[in-house]
């Protein structure tokens, strides 16, 4: 197991200039050669063009990410980037991709509906998937069958599941010694329900049933999302006449061909953090924490002795502990587009779900017509390009006939409520049939005059409504949202450090430490921070101040993952 990225390169990105050792570029091309890095984030898609001949960043581009039109988002980023230069696309030697698509899907519980068959004697556990089924069977450490596989139970269970799930994961005890029970189960599923099946013995060779199951389930969960993403990228490349190899940066910093990305979707779960760390490692700072503040998540990685640290046990994302080799990273559902929710008593909560900020909400109705507490905290609209699944579907019929609506309005019209309504709305969002907008920290920044990239009036209208419901002044309400965002990022940093050095998570204590009636705890961080992402400059300075450290924002940090993808593609070529 490696514990740092391959370091046989001389890459040093200062605050003003990027230099790359030209001897590293092994493609024997007489003409100048370029590499394009693209990062598909939850909010923006960033593109970077590096000139390998004179070692400079030639151009950058940033466009909104359209989750239901990834092809269009990638194409727009490429077109915007190429319009800023006059290069011949035949001179582009490689297109390198970084994406937080998989990470965001895990945090927001999106992706395929997965059922996991867990075979053998094992303490029962839960995973954030549709169904977890424990079956008799499995082998021991010597590869001897512990108990015959309960095939009848598997067959009966598949009959009840096949209309409820999109993919399957299979994990049998000691399948790294004997995988026969996994392979029989896979065949049984294929005969009854021809959907993707991921077996743990093909994905992980380490011990630990829960981690192996999670790794297989993660691949199953992310495969359809990655298939759509790959198709979008390939369409965009073709449209822009790019004929170069296309690679995706995996969570450990290696690169994989885009043609095999869907089948290996799970290893991309830390793609964004790997590129974050790869960019941070070029800053000439020997030891630091690299923080990428995006729209959906905040990702943290560590630089030690100028190199990126890999997790020895596999990465953990949200509630998923896996055997996926990746950077030693932490991801939390907090970002510029985290959903601000007020309950009936005016109490404010933040995230982890992402919504489109009001300031970016485009064709949605103005917030004065719908914004409020709880079920009125966000507005839901059908994506125009999607087909209505028919008038028999009450929710889709309502949205088709009435346009964007809140969950409260949908409940009144359809008489669905509670958990069933919530789960179905989640399914529509997961299937990319709907879009949701609400108030976010990005909107608070607009109201406070710190940014002005969207519709300020929409943000101000939303802030006025929610501030009144919370019995606060508008500016005080927006400052509260910014403080909450900063505190969540601060808590995430502290929890990452504790988990890294002691292997424990103190999330519940850390998140409530400021509210304890007796005990007060103040943490000090001995490492500097390196900020990456469009939102980082607005949140990290105060986070660094509270932790008694400083934060650096390198040149091109707004598109740092795109730069990191390009650099890693050069390094590991």
Protein backbone atom coordinates (compact mmCIF):
# COMPACT_ATOMS: atom_id res chain seq x y z
CA UNK A 1 0.00 0.00 0.00
CA UNK A 2 1.39 3.34 -1.01
CA UNK A 3 1.28 6.26 1.39
CA UNK A 4 2.06 9.11 -1.01
CA UNK A 5 1.64 9.96 -4.63
CA UNK A 6 4.38 9.05 -7.06
CA UNK A 7 6.87 11.88 -6.73
CA UNK A 8 9.22 11.43 -9.69
CA UNK A 9 8.38 14.88 -11.00
CA UNK A 10 9.45 18.43 -10.43
CA UNK A 11 6.21 20.40 -10.27
CA UNK A 12 6.14 23.59 -8.33
CA UNK A 13 3.24 26.00 -8.50
CA UNK A 14 4.00 29.33 -6.84
CA UNK A 15 1.52 32.10 -6.29
CA UNK A 16 2.51 33.60 -9.64
CA UNK A 17 3.90 30.89 -11.91
CA UNK A 18 3.61 27.19 -12.69
CA UNK A 19 6.75 25.33 -13.72
CA UNK A 20 6.82 21.74 -14.92
CA UNK A 21 9.97 19.79 -15.64
CA UNK A 22 9.81 19.39 -19.45
CA UNK A 23 11.67 16.08 -19.25
CA UNK A 24 8.56 14.56 -17.71
CA UNK A 25 6.50 15.00 -20.85
CA UNK A 26 7.39 11.83 -22.72
CA UNK A 27 5.13 12.26 -25.75
CA UNK A 28 7.47 12.77 -28.67
CA UNK A 29 5.75 15.61 -30.44
CA UNK A 30 7.62 18.26 -32.37
CA UNK A 31 4.87 20.84 -32.00
CA UNK A 32 3.77 22.43 -28.71
CA UNK A 33 1.57 20.13 -26.65
CA UNK A 34 -1.21 20.85 -24.19
CA UNK A 35 -3.22 19.07 -21.55
CA UNK A 36 -6.75 19.95 -20.46
CA UNK A 37 -8.00 19.33 -16.94
CA UNK A 38 -11.73 19.43 -16.22
CA UNK A 39 -13.36 19.21 -12.81
CA UNK A 40 -17.08 18.49 -12.67
CA UNK A 41 -18.25 19.74 -9.31
CA UNK A 42 -21.68 19.89 -7.75
CA UNK A 43 -22.10 23.56 -8.64
CA UNK A 44 -19.53 24.44 -11.31
CA UNK A 45 -17.60 22.66 -14.03
CA UNK A 46 -14.07 24.06 -14.29
CA UNK A 47 -11.68 23.68 -17.21
CA UNK A 48 -7.95 24.44 -17.32
CA UNK A 49 -5.54 24.48 -20.26
CA UNK A 50 -1.86 23.84 -19.49
CA UNK A 51 0.87 24.53 -22.03
CA UNK A 52 3.51 21.85 -21.57
CA UNK A 53 5.96 23.64 -23.85
CA UNK A 54 6.51 26.66 -21.60
CA UNK A 55 4.91 25.36 -18.39
CA UNK A 56 2.12 27.87 -17.91
CA UNK A 57 -1.62 27.92 -17.33
CA UNK A 58 -2.91 29.38 -20.60
CA UNK A 59 -6.60 29.67 -19.80
CA UNK A 60 -9.30 28.74 -17.33
CA UNK A 61 -13.08 28.54 -17.58
CA UNK A 62 -15.92 28.07 -15.12
CA UNK A 63 -19.52 27.23 -16.07
CA UNK A 64 -22.52 26.07 -14.01
CA UNK A 65 -22.91 22.29 -13.69
CA UNK A 66 -26.20 21.02 -15.07
CA UNK A 67 -26.68 17.68 -13.34
CA UNK A 68 -29.32 16.56 -15.82
CA UNK A 69 -27.16 17.67 -18.78
CA UNK A 70 -23.59 16.73 -17.95
CA UNK A 71 -22.78 16.57 -21.65
CA UNK A 72 -23.83 20.19 -22.01
CA UNK A 73 -21.93 21.29 -18.91
CA UNK A 74 -18.71 19.63 -20.06
CA UNK A 75 -19.17 20.90 -23.61
CA UNK A 76 -19.77 24.44 -22.37
CA UNK A 77 -16.65 24.33 -20.21
CA UNK A 78 -14.55 23.02 -23.10
CA UNK A 79 -15.94 25.55 -25.55
CA UNK A 80 -15.43 28.42 -23.14
CA UNK A 81 -11.86 27.29 -22.52
CA UNK A 82 -10.94 26.78 -26.18
CA UNK A 83 -12.49 30.12 -27.18
CA UNK A 84 -9.93 31.86 -25.00
CA UNK A 85 -7.03 30.47 -27.04
CA UNK A 86 -6.23 29.73 -30.65
CA UNK A 87 -4.69 26.29 -30.17
CA UNK A 88 -5.26 23.39 -32.53
CA UNK A 89 -7.22 20.71 -30.65
CA UNK A 90 -5.00 18.07 -32.31
CA UNK A 91 -2.18 19.40 -30.15
CA UNK A 92 -4.01 18.44 -26.93
CA UNK A 93 -2.23 15.33 -25.68
CA UNK A 94 -4.71 14.37 -22.96
CA UNK A 95 -8.03 15.30 -21.37
CA UNK A 96 -7.91 14.60 -17.61
CA UNK A 97 -11.06 14.59 -15.53
CA UNK A 98 -11.73 15.21 -11.87
CA UNK A 99 -15.22 14.84 -10.52
CA UNK A 100 -17.02 15.09 -7.20
CA UNK A 101 -20.01 13.40 -8.84
CA UNK A 102 -19.51 10.16 -6.89
CA UNK A 103 -18.67 11.87 -3.59
CA UNK A 104 -21.71 14.14 -3.82
CA UNK A 105 -23.96 11.20 -4.68
CA UNK A 106 -22.85 9.39 -1.53
CA UNK A 107 -23.33 12.44 0.69
CA UNK A 108 -26.76 13.20 -0.77
CA UNK A 109 -27.76 9.52 -0.94
CA UNK A 110 -28.29 9.61 -4.68
CA UNK A 111 -27.46 7.07 -7.33
CA UNK A 112 -28.83 3.58 -7.98
CA UNK A 113 -31.07 1.76 -5.53
CA UNK A 114 -28.93 -1.12 -4.30
CA UNK A 115 -29.66 -4.40 -2.53
CA UNK A 116 -26.75 -6.21 -0.88
CA UNK A 117 -26.62 -9.97 -0.23
CA UNK A 118 -24.27 -10.70 2.68
CA UNK A 119 -23.44 -14.39 2.94
CA UNK A 120 -22.06 -16.08 6.05
CA UNK A 121 -21.88 -15.69 9.82
CA UNK A 122 -21.39 -12.02 10.55
CA UNK A 123 -22.64 -9.46 13.02
CA UNK A 124 -25.49 -7.62 11.35
CA UNK A 125 -24.85 -4.09 10.17
CA UNK A 126 -26.58 -1.43 8.14
CA UNK A 127 -25.56 0.42 5.01
CA UNK A 128 -27.30 3.47 3.50
CA UNK A 129 -28.79 1.41 0.65
CA UNK A 130 -32.26 0.15 -0.22
CA UNK A 131 -31.95 -3.33 1.29
CA UNK A 132 -29.39 -5.41 3.20
CA UNK A 133 -30.06 -9.17 3.24
CA UNK A 134 -28.11 -11.66 5.38
CA UNK A 135 -27.94 -15.17 3.92
CA UNK A 136 -26.58 -18.48 5.28
CA UNK A 137 -23.39 -19.72 3.63
CA UNK A 138 -19.81 -18.51 3.32
CA UNK A 139 -16.33 -19.95 3.92
CA UNK A 140 -13.76 -19.85 6.69
CA UNK A 141 -10.24 -18.45 6.69
CA UNK A 142 -8.91 -21.71 5.20
CA UNK A 143 -11.34 -21.54 2.31
CA UNK A 144 -13.54 -24.34 3.62
CA UNK A 145 -17.31 -24.01 3.27
CA UNK A 146 -18.83 -23.08 6.64
CA UNK A 147 -22.41 -23.79 5.58
CA UNK A 148 -24.16 -24.52 2.27
CA UNK A 149 -25.42 -21.46 0.43
CA UNK A 150 -29.12 -20.83 1.12
CA UNK A 151 -30.04 -20.48 -2.53
CA UNK A 152 -33.78 -20.84 -1.98
CA UNK A 153 -33.77 -17.80 0.29
CA UNK A 154 -31.82 -15.82 -2.32
CA UNK A 155 -34.31 -16.74 -5.08
CA UNK A 156 -37.32 -15.83 -2.94
CA UNK A 157 -35.72 -12.53 -1.93
CA UNK A 158 -34.91 -11.55 -5.52
CA UNK A 159 -38.55 -12.05 -6.47
CA UNK A 160 -39.57 -9.41 -3.95
CA UNK A 161 -36.69 -7.04 -4.72
CA UNK A 162 -36.44 -6.85 -8.48
CA UNK A 163 -38.99 -4.07 -8.84
CA UNK A 164 -37.46 -2.09 -5.97
CA UNK A 165 -33.75 -1.93 -6.87
CA UNK A 166 -31.49 -0.97 -9.78
CA UNK A 167 -28.38 -3.02 -8.94
CA UNK A 168 -27.00 -5.64 -6.55
CA UNK A 169 -23.92 -6.11 -4.38
CA UNK A 170 -22.80 -9.53 -3.16
CA UNK A 171 -20.33 -10.22 -0.34
CA UNK A 172 -19.60 -13.69 1.04
CA UNK A 173 -17.45 -14.50 4.06
CA UNK A 174 -13.84 -15.15 3.01
CA UNK A 175 -14.66 -14.88 -0.68
CA UNK A 176 -11.04 -13.88 -1.25
CA UNK A 177 -10.28 -17.53 -0.41
CA UNK A 178 -13.24 -19.09 -2.22
CA UNK A 179 -15.61 -16.93 -4.27
CA UNK A 180 -17.98 -19.72 -5.31
CA UNK A 181 -20.91 -18.54 -3.18
CA UNK A 182 -20.65 -15.03 -4.62
CA UNK A 183 -20.50 -16.38 -8.17
CA UNK A 184 -23.51 -18.67 -7.67
CA UNK A 185 -25.48 -15.76 -6.21
CA UNK A 186 -24.47 -13.58 -9.15
CA UNK A 187 -25.75 -16.24 -11.59
CA UNK A 188 -29.01 -16.58 -9.67
CA UNK A 189 -29.60 -12.84 -9.82
CA UNK A 190 -28.77 -12.72 -13.55
CA UNK A 191 -31.32 -15.45 -14.30
CA UNK A 192 -34.12 -13.64 -12.48
CA UNK A 193 -33.27 -9.95 -12.77
CA UNK A 194 -30.74 -8.87 -15.44
CA UNK A 195 -29.33 -5.88 -13.62
CA UNK A 196 -25.73 -5.01 -12.69
CA UNK A 197 -24.18 -7.19 -9.97
CA UNK A 198 -20.97 -6.31 -8.14
CA UNK A 199 -19.21 -9.09 -6.21
CA UNK A 200 -16.78 -8.19 -3.44
CA UNK A 201 -14.08 -10.68 -4.53
CA UNK A 202 -13.58 -8.71 -7.77
CA UNK A 203 -13.28 -5.39 -5.95
CA UNK A 204 -11.60 -5.98 -2.56
CA UNK A 205 -9.17 -8.60 -1.29
CA UNK A 206 -9.02 -7.29 2.28
CA UNK A 207 -10.75 -8.68 5.37
CA UNK A 208 -13.74 -6.91 6.89
CA UNK A 209 -17.21 -7.89 5.75
CA UNK A 210 -18.80 -4.50 6.26
CA UNK A 211 -16.07 -2.65 4.38
CA UNK A 212 -16.05 -5.20 1.53
CA UNK A 213 -19.84 -5.04 1.25
CA UNK A 214 -19.75 -1.26 1.30
CA UNK A 215 -17.13 -1.23 -1.45
CA UNK A 216 -19.19 -3.52 -3.70
CA UNK A 217 -22.39 -1.59 -2.93
CA UNK A 218 -20.66 1.69 -3.69
CA UNK A 219 -19.70 0.49 -7.17
CA UNK A 220 -23.29 -0.63 -7.74
CA UNK A 221 -24.73 2.64 -6.45
CA UNK A 222 -22.53 4.84 -8.61
CA UNK A 223 -22.42 2.91 -11.88
CA UNK A 224 -25.45 4.53 -13.59
CA UNK A 225 -24.31 8.03 -12.61
CA UNK A 226 -20.85 7.33 -14.00
CA UNK A 227 -22.32 5.89 -17.20
CA UNK A 228 -24.20 9.15 -17.80
CA UNK A 229 -21.12 11.20 -16.96
CA UNK A 230 -18.88 9.21 -19.30
CA UNK A 231 -21.38 9.52 -22.14
CA UNK A 232 -21.57 13.27 -21.55
CA UNK A 233 -17.80 13.72 -21.59
CA UNK A 234 -17.39 11.66 -24.74
CA UNK A 235 -20.09 13.68 -26.49
CA UNK A 236 -18.44 16.92 -25.41
CA UNK A 237 -15.01 15.77 -26.60
CA UNK A 238 -16.41 14.74 -29.97
CA UNK A 239 -18.29 18.02 -30.36
CA UNK A 240 -15.10 19.97 -29.70
CA UNK A 241 -13.02 17.76 -32.03
CA UNK A 242 -10.79 16.39 -29.29
CA UNK A 243 -9.23 13.09 -30.34
CA UNK A 244 -6.80 12.67 -27.44
CA UNK A 245 -7.02 9.97 -24.74
CA UNK A 246 -9.51 10.77 -21.97
CA UNK A 247 -8.65 9.70 -18.42
CA UNK A 248 -10.37 10.00 -15.07
CA UNK A 249 -8.35 10.61 -11.91
CA UNK A 250 -9.09 7.93 -9.32
CA UNK A 251 -9.23 8.48 -5.59
CA UNK A 252 -5.58 7.43 -5.14
CA UNK A 253 -4.30 9.85 -7.79
CA UNK A 254 -3.86 7.24 -10.50
CA UNK A 255 -5.62 7.63 -13.82
CA UNK A 256 -8.01 5.21 -15.47
CA UNK A 257 -9.33 5.18 -19.00
CA UNK A 258 -12.75 6.72 -19.29
CA UNK A 259 -13.89 3.56 -21.08
CA UNK A 260 -13.57 1.53 -17.86
CA UNK A 261 -14.77 4.25 -15.47
CA UNK A 262 -18.36 3.01 -15.15
CA UNK A 263 -17.32 -0.51 -14.15
CA UNK A 264 -14.89 0.96 -11.62
CA UNK A 265 -17.15 3.79 -10.46
CA UNK A 266 -16.40 3.25 -6.78
CA UNK A 267 -12.70 4.07 -7.12
CA UNK A 268 -13.65 7.55 -8.34
CA UNK A 269 -15.36 8.42 -5.06
CA UNK A 270 -12.37 10.50 -3.97
CA UNK A 271 -11.45 11.79 -7.43
CA UNK A 272 -12.10 15.39 -6.47
CA UNK A 273 -10.13 15.19 -3.19
CA UNK A 274 -7.24 13.45 -4.98
CA UNK A 275 -6.98 16.38 -7.38
CA UNK A 276 -7.41 18.81 -4.50
CA UNK A 277 -4.45 17.18 -2.76
CA UNK A 278 -2.48 16.95 -5.99
CA UNK A 279 -2.83 20.68 -6.51
CA UNK A 280 -2.06 21.44 -2.86
CA UNK A 281 1.12 19.34 -2.97
CA UNK A 282 2.58 21.71 -5.58
CA UNK A 283 2.50 24.78 -3.35
CA UNK A 284 5.89 24.36 -1.73
CA UNK A 285 4.37 23.88 1.73
CA UNK A 286 5.78 20.76 3.37
CA UNK A 287 2.92 20.09 5.79
CA UNK A 288 -0.61 21.44 5.43
CA UNK A 289 -4.28 20.64 5.22
CA UNK A 290 -5.80 21.23 1.80
CA UNK A 291 -9.45 22.31 1.95
CA UNK A 292 -11.77 22.34 -1.07
CA UNK A 293 -14.98 24.23 -0.32
CA UNK A 294 -17.45 23.41 -3.07
CA UNK A 295 -21.15 23.88 -3.53
CA UNK A 296 -22.20 20.52 -2.12
CA UNK A 297 -19.31 19.33 0.03
CA UNK A 298 -16.11 20.37 1.77
CA UNK A 299 -13.21 17.98 1.14
CA UNK A 300 -10.10 17.78 3.34
CA UNK A 301 -6.77 16.11 2.55
CA UNK A 302 -3.34 16.23 4.16
CA UNK A 303 0.10 17.09 2.79
CA UNK A 304 3.01 15.55 4.70
CA UNK A 305 6.64 16.22 3.72
CA UNK A 306 5.38 17.74 0.49
CA UNK A 307 3.47 14.60 -0.50
CA UNK A 308 -0.16 13.61 -0.40
CA UNK A 309 -1.06 11.08 2.29
CA UNK A 310 -3.10 8.02 1.31
CA UNK A 311 -5.45 6.27 3.71
CA UNK A 312 -4.02 2.92 4.81
CA UNK A 313 -7.47 1.40 5.37
CA UNK A 314 -9.49 2.78 2.46
CA UNK A 315 -11.45 5.99 2.25
CA UNK A 316 -14.48 6.96 4.29
CA UNK A 317 -17.14 9.19 2.77
CA UNK A 318 -20.06 10.11 4.97
CA UNK A 319 -21.29 6.86 6.56
CA UNK A 320 -19.43 4.71 4.03
CA UNK A 321 -16.20 3.09 5.19
CA UNK A 322 -14.74 1.29 2.17
CA UNK A 323 -11.66 -0.54 0.96
CA UNK A 324 -11.25 1.92 -1.91
CA UNK A 325 -7.62 3.08 -2.01
CA UNK A 326 -7.70 6.85 -1.88
CA UNK A 327 -6.21 9.93 -0.38
CA UNK A 328 -6.60 10.20 3.37
CA UNK A 329 -9.56 12.50 3.10
CA UNK A 330 -12.67 13.62 4.89
CA UNK A 331 -15.82 14.83 3.17
CA UNK A 332 -18.73 16.59 4.79
CA UNK A 333 -22.05 17.75 3.40
CA UNK A 334 -21.41 21.47 3.80
CA UNK A 335 -20.81 23.96 1.01
CA UNK A 336 -21.93 27.16 -0.60
CA UNK A 337 -25.18 25.60 -1.84
CA UNK A 338 -26.18 23.73 1.33
CA UNK A 339 -29.91 23.99 2.00
CA UNK A 340 -30.99 26.39 4.75
CA UNK A 341 -34.04 24.99 6.52
CA UNK A 342 -36.24 26.61 9.17
CA UNK A 343 -38.55 24.54 11.34
CA UNK A 344 -41.93 25.72 12.60
CA UNK A 345 -40.25 27.38 15.60
CA UNK A 346 -37.83 29.37 13.45
CA UNK A 347 -34.82 27.20 14.33
CA UNK A 348 -32.24 27.08 11.54
CA UNK A 349 -30.41 24.00 10.21
CA UNK A 350 -27.98 23.69 7.34
CA UNK A 351 -27.38 20.87 4.81
CA UNK A 352 -26.33 18.25 4.00
CA UNK A 353 -28.56 18.36 0.92
CA UNK A 354 -27.74 20.78 -1.85
CA UNK A 355 -30.25 23.01 -3.63
CA UNK A 356 -29.90 25.59 -6.37
CA UNK A 357 -29.35 28.97 -4.67
CA UNK A 358 -32.19 31.43 -5.09
CA UNK A 359 -29.71 33.79 -6.73
CA UNK A 360 -29.10 31.14 -9.43
CA UNK A 361 -32.64 29.79 -9.70
CA UNK A 362 -33.49 31.14 -13.15
CA UNK A 363 -37.02 30.19 -14.18
CA UNK A 364 -38.31 29.25 -10.73
CA UNK A 365 -41.10 31.43 -9.29
CA UNK A 366 -39.92 34.30 -7.05
CA UNK A 367 -39.49 33.22 -3.41
CA UNK A 368 -42.31 35.54 -2.28
CA UNK A 369 -44.73 33.07 -3.85
CA UNK A 370 -43.62 29.96 -1.98
CA UNK A 371 -40.69 30.24 0.48
CA UNK A 372 -41.34 29.41 4.13
CA UNK A 373 -40.58 26.85 6.83
CA UNK A 374 -40.25 23.07 6.67
CA UNK A 375 -42.11 21.71 3.60
CA UNK A 376 -42.15 25.19 2.09
CA UNK A 377 -38.38 25.60 2.40
CA UNK A 378 -37.64 24.59 -1.20
CA UNK A 379 -39.36 24.69 -4.55
CA UNK A 380 -39.40 21.61 -6.78
CA UNK A 381 -39.67 21.67 -10.58
CA UNK A 382 -39.65 19.08 -13.32
CA UNK A 383 -36.63 19.24 -15.58
CA UNK A 384 -38.07 20.48 -18.90
CA UNK A 385 -36.16 17.96 -21.01
CA UNK A 386 -37.49 14.89 -19.18
CA UNK A 387 -40.55 12.97 -20.30
CA UNK A 388 -43.54 12.80 -18.00
CA UNK A 389 -43.94 9.20 -16.90
CA UNK A 390 -47.70 9.42 -17.35
CA UNK A 391 -50.81 10.87 -15.79
CA UNK A 392 -51.09 7.93 -13.39
CA UNK A 393 -48.19 9.40 -11.39
CA UNK A 394 -49.86 11.93 -9.09
CA UNK A 395 -46.74 13.97 -8.30
CA UNK A 396 -45.50 14.21 -11.87
CA UNK A 397 -49.01 15.08 -13.02
CA UNK A 398 -49.21 17.85 -10.43
CA UNK A 399 -45.83 19.31 -11.41
CA UNK A 400 -46.70 19.09 -15.10
CA UNK A 401 -50.05 20.85 -14.68
CA UNK A 402 -49.12 23.37 -11.97
CA UNK A 403 -45.41 24.00 -12.48
CA UNK A 404 -42.85 24.33 -9.68
CA UNK A 405 -44.30 23.56 -6.25
CA UNK A 406 -43.28 23.07 -2.66
CA UNK A 407 -43.59 19.72 -0.88
CA UNK A 408 -46.48 21.25 1.06
CA UNK A 409 -48.40 22.09 -2.13
CA UNK A 410 -47.65 18.65 -3.57
CA UNK A 411 -48.90 17.03 -0.36
CA UNK A 412 -52.16 18.97 -0.46
CA UNK A 413 -52.75 18.10 -4.10
CA UNK A 414 -51.84 14.41 -3.94
CA UNK A 415 -52.70 13.58 -0.32
CA UNK A 416 -49.26 12.05 0.07
CA UNK A 417 -47.36 13.10 3.16
CA UNK A 418 -44.68 12.18 5.63
CA UNK A 419 -41.98 9.65 4.84
CA UNK A 420 -43.60 8.26 1.64
CA UNK A 421 -43.72 11.73 0.08
CA UNK A 422 -40.20 12.54 1.23
CA UNK A 423 -38.81 9.28 -0.17
CA UNK A 424 -40.56 9.73 -3.49
CA UNK A 425 -39.31 13.28 -3.91
CA UNK A 426 -35.80 11.99 -3.13
CA UNK A 427 -36.25 9.36 -5.83
CA UNK A 428 -37.28 11.98 -8.40
CA UNK A 429 -34.20 14.03 -7.58
CA UNK A 430 -32.00 10.91 -7.67
CA UNK A 431 -33.35 10.01 -11.11
CA UNK A 432 -32.64 13.59 -12.22
CA UNK A 433 -36.26 14.27 -13.05
CA UNK A 434 -36.53 17.30 -10.78
CA UNK A 435 -34.58 20.37 -9.69
CA UNK A 436 -34.84 22.04 -6.28
CA UNK A 437 -34.11 25.59 -5.20
CA UNK A 438 -33.92 27.20 -1.77
CA UNK A 439 -31.94 29.62 0.37
CA UNK A 440 -28.23 28.83 0.77
CA UNK A 441 -24.98 30.32 2.14
CA UNK A 442 -24.30 31.51 -1.42
CA UNK A 443 -27.46 33.60 -1.17
CA UNK A 444 -26.36 34.95 2.21
CA UNK A 445 -23.07 36.07 0.61
CA UNK A 446 -25.04 37.88 -2.09
CA UNK A 447 -27.20 39.68 0.48
CA UNK A 448 -24.14 40.76 2.48
CA UNK A 449 -22.53 42.15 -0.69
CA UNK A 450 -19.56 39.79 -0.65
CA UNK A 451 -20.30 38.29 -4.06
CA UNK A 452 -22.46 39.34 -6.99
CA UNK A 453 -22.54 36.56 -9.56
CA UNK A 454 -26.27 35.89 -9.56
CA UNK A 455 -29.63 37.55 -8.99
CA UNK A 456 -29.09 39.56 -5.82
CA UNK A 457 -32.76 40.59 -5.65
CA UNK A 458 -33.86 36.95 -5.46
CA UNK A 459 -31.43 36.29 -2.62
CA UNK A 460 -32.55 39.41 -0.77
CA UNK A 461 -36.21 38.43 -1.11
CA UNK A 462 -35.50 34.98 0.32
CA UNK A 463 -33.43 36.39 3.16
CA UNK A 464 -36.17 38.84 4.09
CA UNK A 465 -38.79 36.09 4.30
CA UNK A 466 -36.67 33.70 6.36
CA UNK A 467 -35.27 36.42 8.63
CA UNK A 468 -38.81 37.50 9.47
CA UNK A 469 -39.77 33.91 10.27
CA UNK A 470 -36.68 33.59 12.49
CA UNK A 471 -37.51 36.95 14.15
CA UNK A 472 -34.16 38.45 13.08
CA UNK A 473 -32.87 41.35 11.03
CA UNK A 474 -31.92 40.40 7.49
CA UNK A 475 -28.18 41.10 7.87
CA UNK A 476 -28.05 39.31 11.21
CA UNK A 477 -29.80 36.29 9.69
CA UNK A 478 -27.35 36.12 6.77
CA UNK A 479 -24.37 36.53 9.09
CA UNK A 480 -25.76 33.64 11.16
CA UNK A 481 -25.86 31.43 8.04
CA UNK A 482 -22.24 32.32 7.24
CA UNK A 483 -21.18 31.57 10.83
CA UNK A 484 -22.97 28.23 10.74
CA UNK A 485 -21.19 27.34 7.50
CA UNK A 486 -17.83 28.31 8.97
CA UNK A 487 -18.51 26.36 12.17
CA UNK A 488 -19.46 23.26 10.19
CA UNK A 489 -16.23 23.49 8.18
CA UNK A 490 -14.24 24.08 11.39
CA UNK A 491 -15.85 21.04 13.04
CA UNK A 492 -15.13 18.94 9.97
CA UNK A 493 -11.45 19.93 10.12
CA UNK A 494 -11.18 19.06 13.81
CA UNK A 495 -12.92 15.73 13.33
CA UNK A 496 -10.64 14.88 10.40
CA UNK A 497 -7.49 15.49 12.45
CA UNK A 498 -8.82 13.45 15.38
CA UNK A 499 -9.85 10.61 13.10
CA UNK A 500 -6.51 10.69 11.25
CA UNK A 501 -4.33 10.46 14.36
CA UNK A 502 -6.51 8.48 16.77
CA UNK A 503 -8.86 6.58 14.46
CA UNK A 504 -11.89 7.89 16.31
CA UNK A 505 -14.72 10.15 15.28
CA UNK A 506 -16.03 12.62 17.85
CA UNK A 507 -18.57 14.23 15.55
CA UNK A 508 -21.40 14.45 18.07
CA UNK A 509 -19.16 15.99 20.75
CA UNK A 510 -17.38 18.38 18.40
CA UNK A 511 -20.61 19.63 16.84
CA UNK A 512 -22.14 20.36 20.26
CA UNK A 513 -19.06 21.47 22.21
CA UNK A 514 -19.96 25.17 22.10
CA UNK A 515 -23.39 24.46 23.57
CA UNK A 516 -22.23 22.37 26.53
CA UNK A 517 -23.39 23.95 29.83
CA UNK A 518 -20.21 23.04 31.74
CA UNK A 519 -17.32 22.12 29.44
CA UNK A 520 -15.71 24.51 26.98
CA UNK A 521 -13.11 23.32 24.47
CA UNK A 522 -10.95 25.39 22.13
CA UNK A 523 -8.85 23.66 19.44
CA UNK A 524 -5.67 25.03 17.84
CA UNK A 525 -4.37 23.74 14.54
CA UNK A 526 -0.59 23.58 14.08
CA UNK A 527 -0.73 23.20 10.31
CA UNK A 528 -1.54 25.92 7.76
CA UNK A 529 -4.50 25.59 5.41
CA UNK A 530 -4.45 25.70 1.61
CA UNK A 531 -7.80 26.86 0.24
CA UNK A 532 -9.27 25.59 -3.02
CA UNK A 533 -12.64 26.16 -4.66
CA UNK A 534 -14.72 29.16 -5.58
CA UNK A 535 -16.27 29.45 -2.10
CA UNK A 536 -13.07 28.93 -0.09
CA UNK A 537 -12.06 32.60 0.12
CA UNK A 538 -15.38 33.51 1.72
CA UNK A 539 -15.36 30.92 4.51
CA UNK A 540 -11.83 29.75 5.29
CA UNK A 541 -10.24 32.99 6.62
CA UNK A 542 -12.46 32.98 9.71
CA UNK A 543 -12.08 29.21 10.09
CA UNK A 544 -8.29 29.59 10.08
CA UNK A 545 -8.49 32.47 12.56
CA UNK A 546 -10.61 30.48 15.01
CA UNK A 547 -8.17 27.57 14.80
CA UNK A 548 -5.14 29.80 15.32
CA UNK A 549 -3.56 29.18 11.94
CA UNK A 550 -3.33 30.83 8.52
CA UNK A 551 -4.71 30.01 5.08
CA UNK A 552 -3.12 30.38 1.65
CA UNK A 553 -5.08 30.84 -1.59
CA UNK A 554 -2.78 29.95 -4.50
CA UNK A 555 -3.18 31.36 -7.96
CA UNK A 556 -5.88 29.44 -9.86
CA UNK A 557 -7.24 28.06 -6.58
CA UNK A 558 -10.78 28.70 -7.87
CA UNK A 559 -10.16 25.96 -10.45
CA UNK A 560 -7.63 24.03 -8.37
CA UNK A 561 -9.14 20.60 -9.01
CA UNK A 562 -8.91 21.14 -12.75
CA UNK A 563 -5.24 22.07 -12.39
CA UNK A 564 -4.72 19.09 -10.07
CA UNK A 565 -6.28 16.71 -12.60
CA UNK A 566 -3.95 17.95 -15.33
CA UNK A 567 -0.88 17.70 -13.08
CA UNK A 568 -1.70 14.17 -11.94
CA UNK A 569 -2.26 13.08 -15.53
CA UNK A 570 1.23 14.37 -16.37
CA UNK A 571 2.83 12.81 -13.30
CA UNK A 572 1.31 9.36 -13.67
CA UNK A 573 1.59 9.20 -17.45
